[in-house]
């Protein structure tokens, strides 16, 4: 006897998948303490800021050059 839960899930259209992804990734929907992927961003270790952060251009370097920092 077949049960409703035995049926394969209906496939979502590419548009539905994209819309759901956009909604899940919207920062307004991000739960507190959620891990954030910053791999596409560049970090300036001397200013301790991402290069695309607000105020980056005006921020002073607060740490020595990377070559002089301890690993």
N, C-alpha and C. Protein backbone atom coordinates (compact mmCIF):
# COMPACT_ATOMS: atom_id res chain seq x y z
N UNK A 1 0.85 -1.18 0.00
CA UNK A 1 0.00 0.00 0.00
C UNK A 1 0.90 1.24 0.00
N UNK A 2 0.60 2.19 -0.85
CA UNK A 2 1.41 3.39 -0.99
C UNK A 2 0.93 4.47 -0.03
N UNK A 3 1.88 5.08 0.62
CA UNK A 3 1.59 6.17 1.54
C UNK A 3 1.96 7.49 0.88
N UNK A 4 1.32 8.61 1.26
CA UNK A 4 1.67 9.91 0.66
C UNK A 4 3.14 10.26 0.83
N UNK A 5 3.74 9.87 1.94
CA UNK A 5 5.14 10.21 2.17
C UNK A 5 6.09 9.35 1.33
N UNK A 6 5.57 8.33 0.65
CA UNK A 6 6.39 7.49 -0.21
C UNK A 6 6.60 8.11 -1.59
N UNK A 7 5.83 9.13 -1.91
CA UNK A 7 5.94 9.77 -3.22
C UNK A 7 7.15 10.69 -3.24
N UNK A 8 7.85 10.73 -4.38
CA UNK A 8 8.99 11.64 -4.47
C UNK A 8 8.52 13.09 -4.40
N UNK A 9 9.33 13.97 -3.85
CA UNK A 9 8.92 15.37 -3.77
C UNK A 9 8.81 15.97 -5.17
N UNK A 10 7.90 16.91 -5.31
CA UNK A 10 7.74 17.60 -6.59
C UNK A 10 8.99 18.44 -6.84
N UNK A 11 9.45 18.47 -8.08
CA UNK A 11 10.63 19.26 -8.41
C UNK A 11 10.25 20.72 -8.56
N UNK A 12 11.06 21.59 -8.00
CA UNK A 12 10.83 23.03 -8.09
C UNK A 12 11.43 23.55 -9.39
N UNK A 13 10.82 24.58 -9.92
CA UNK A 13 11.35 25.20 -11.14
C UNK A 13 12.61 25.98 -10.78
N UNK A 14 13.48 26.22 -11.76
CA UNK A 14 14.68 27.02 -11.48
C UNK A 14 14.35 28.39 -10.90
N UNK A 15 13.24 28.97 -11.33
CA UNK A 15 12.83 30.28 -10.80
C UNK A 15 12.46 30.18 -9.32
N UNK A 16 11.77 29.09 -8.95
CA UNK A 16 11.39 28.89 -7.56
C UNK A 16 12.62 28.66 -6.68
N UNK A 17 13.57 27.89 -7.20
CA UNK A 17 14.80 27.64 -6.46
C UNK A 17 15.57 28.94 -6.26
N UNK A 18 15.68 29.75 -7.31
CA UNK A 18 16.41 31.02 -7.21
C UNK A 18 15.72 31.97 -6.23
N UNK A 19 14.40 32.03 -6.27
CA UNK A 19 13.66 32.91 -5.35
C UNK A 19 13.85 32.46 -3.90
N UNK A 20 13.80 31.15 -3.66
CA UNK A 20 13.99 30.64 -2.30
C UNK A 20 15.42 30.92 -1.82
N UNK A 21 16.39 30.74 -2.70
CA UNK A 21 17.78 30.99 -2.34
C UNK A 21 17.98 32.46 -1.98
N UNK A 22 17.45 33.36 -2.81
CA UNK A 22 17.57 34.80 -2.53
C UNK A 22 16.95 35.15 -1.18
N UNK A 23 15.81 34.54 -0.87
CA UNK A 23 15.15 34.82 0.40
C UNK A 23 15.97 34.29 1.57
N UNK A 24 16.52 33.08 1.43
CA UNK A 24 17.33 32.51 2.52
C UNK A 24 18.61 33.29 2.75
N UNK A 25 19.21 33.83 1.68
CA UNK A 25 20.48 34.54 1.81
C UNK A 25 20.33 36.02 2.14
N UNK A 26 19.13 36.53 2.15
CA UNK A 26 18.89 37.93 2.49
C UNK A 26 19.37 38.18 3.92
N UNK A 27 20.27 39.15 4.13
CA UNK A 27 20.77 39.41 5.48
C UNK A 27 19.67 39.70 6.50
N UNK A 28 18.52 40.21 6.06
CA UNK A 28 17.43 40.47 6.99
C UNK A 28 16.83 39.18 7.53
N UNK A 29 17.05 38.06 6.86
CA UNK A 29 16.51 36.77 7.30
C UNK A 29 17.56 35.91 7.99
N UNK A 30 18.75 36.43 8.15
CA UNK A 30 19.84 35.66 8.75
C UNK A 30 19.64 35.57 10.26
N UNK A 31 19.69 34.36 10.81
CA UNK A 31 19.55 34.23 12.27
C UNK A 31 20.77 34.81 13.00
N UNK A 32 20.58 35.18 14.24
CA UNK A 32 21.69 35.69 15.04
C UNK A 32 22.76 34.60 15.13
N UNK A 33 24.01 35.01 15.18
CA UNK A 33 25.16 34.11 15.29
C UNK A 33 25.32 33.18 14.10
N UNK A 34 24.72 33.53 12.95
CA UNK A 34 24.88 32.70 11.76
C UNK A 34 26.27 32.89 11.17
N UNK A 35 26.82 31.82 10.66
CA UNK A 35 28.13 31.89 10.01
C UNK A 35 27.96 32.58 8.66
N UNK A 36 28.85 33.49 8.34
CA UNK A 36 28.76 34.25 7.10
C UNK A 36 29.99 33.95 6.26
N UNK A 37 29.79 33.74 4.97
CA UNK A 37 30.88 33.43 4.06
C UNK A 37 31.43 34.73 3.48
N UNK A 38 32.67 35.06 3.82
CA UNK A 38 33.33 36.27 3.32
C UNK A 38 34.44 35.95 2.34
N UNK A 39 34.41 34.77 1.73
CA UNK A 39 35.50 34.35 0.86
C UNK A 39 35.64 35.22 -0.38
N UNK A 40 34.60 35.91 -0.79
CA UNK A 40 34.68 36.77 -1.97
C UNK A 40 35.13 38.19 -1.61
N UNK A 41 35.40 38.44 -0.36
CA UNK A 41 35.79 39.78 0.09
C UNK A 41 37.28 39.81 0.41
N UNK A 42 37.88 40.99 0.29
CA UNK A 42 39.30 41.13 0.60
C UNK A 42 39.45 41.81 1.96
N UNK A 43 40.27 41.22 2.83
CA UNK A 43 40.49 41.75 4.17
C UNK A 43 41.83 42.45 4.24
N UNK A 44 41.86 43.64 4.80
CA UNK A 44 43.09 44.40 5.00
C UNK A 44 43.53 44.19 6.45
N UNK A 45 44.58 43.41 6.65
CA UNK A 45 45.03 43.09 8.01
C UNK A 45 45.65 44.27 8.73
N UNK A 46 46.08 45.28 8.00
CA UNK A 46 46.66 46.46 8.64
C UNK A 46 45.56 47.37 9.21
N UNK A 47 44.44 47.45 8.49
CA UNK A 47 43.32 48.27 8.96
C UNK A 47 42.31 47.45 9.74
N UNK A 48 42.45 46.13 9.68
CA UNK A 48 41.52 45.21 10.34
C UNK A 48 40.10 45.43 9.84
N UNK A 49 39.98 45.61 8.53
CA UNK A 49 38.68 45.86 7.89
C UNK A 49 38.65 45.18 6.53
N UNK A 50 37.44 44.88 6.06
CA UNK A 50 37.28 44.46 4.68
C UNK A 50 37.40 45.70 3.80
N UNK A 51 37.99 45.54 2.61
CA UNK A 51 38.24 46.68 1.74
C UNK A 51 36.96 47.31 1.20
N UNK A 52 35.85 46.59 1.26
CA UNK A 52 34.58 47.15 0.79
C UNK A 52 33.71 47.70 1.93
N UNK A 53 34.28 47.75 3.14
CA UNK A 53 33.53 48.24 4.30
C UNK A 53 33.38 49.76 4.25
N UNK A 54 32.28 50.22 4.81
CA UNK A 54 32.04 51.66 4.89
C UNK A 54 33.15 52.29 5.74
N UNK A 55 33.76 53.36 5.23
CA UNK A 55 34.80 54.07 5.96
C UNK A 55 36.19 53.49 5.76
N UNK A 56 36.32 52.47 4.93
CA UNK A 56 37.63 51.84 4.74
C UNK A 56 38.67 52.84 4.24
N UNK A 57 38.31 53.65 3.25
CA UNK A 57 39.28 54.58 2.66
C UNK A 57 39.82 55.59 3.67
N UNK A 58 39.02 55.97 4.65
CA UNK A 58 39.44 56.96 5.63
C UNK A 58 40.09 56.34 6.86
N UNK A 59 39.98 55.03 7.02
CA UNK A 59 40.47 54.37 8.23
C UNK A 59 41.99 54.31 8.26
N UNK A 60 42.57 54.57 9.43
CA UNK A 60 44.03 54.47 9.55
C UNK A 60 44.45 53.01 9.75
N UNK A 61 45.68 52.71 9.43
CA UNK A 61 46.23 51.39 9.72
C UNK A 61 46.44 51.31 11.23
N UNK A 62 45.93 50.27 11.85
CA UNK A 62 46.05 50.11 13.30
C UNK A 62 47.03 49.00 13.67
N UNK A 63 47.49 48.24 12.67
CA UNK A 63 48.43 47.17 12.88
C UNK A 63 49.62 47.36 11.95
N UNK A 64 50.78 46.80 12.29
CA UNK A 64 51.95 46.93 11.42
C UNK A 64 51.71 46.20 10.09
N UNK A 65 52.55 46.47 9.10
CA UNK A 65 52.42 45.77 7.83
C UNK A 65 52.40 44.25 8.04
N UNK A 66 51.70 43.56 7.18
CA UNK A 66 51.51 42.11 7.32
C UNK A 66 52.84 41.39 7.46
N UNK A 67 53.85 41.81 6.72
CA UNK A 67 55.16 41.14 6.78
C UNK A 67 55.78 41.20 8.17
N UNK A 68 55.43 42.22 8.95
CA UNK A 68 55.98 42.40 10.27
C UNK A 68 55.13 41.79 11.38
N UNK A 69 53.94 41.32 11.05
CA UNK A 69 53.07 40.73 12.04
C UNK A 69 53.48 39.29 12.33
N UNK A 70 53.31 38.88 13.58
CA UNK A 70 53.59 37.49 13.93
C UNK A 70 52.51 36.60 13.36
N UNK A 71 52.88 35.43 12.98
CA UNK A 71 51.92 34.47 12.43
C UNK A 71 51.18 33.76 13.52
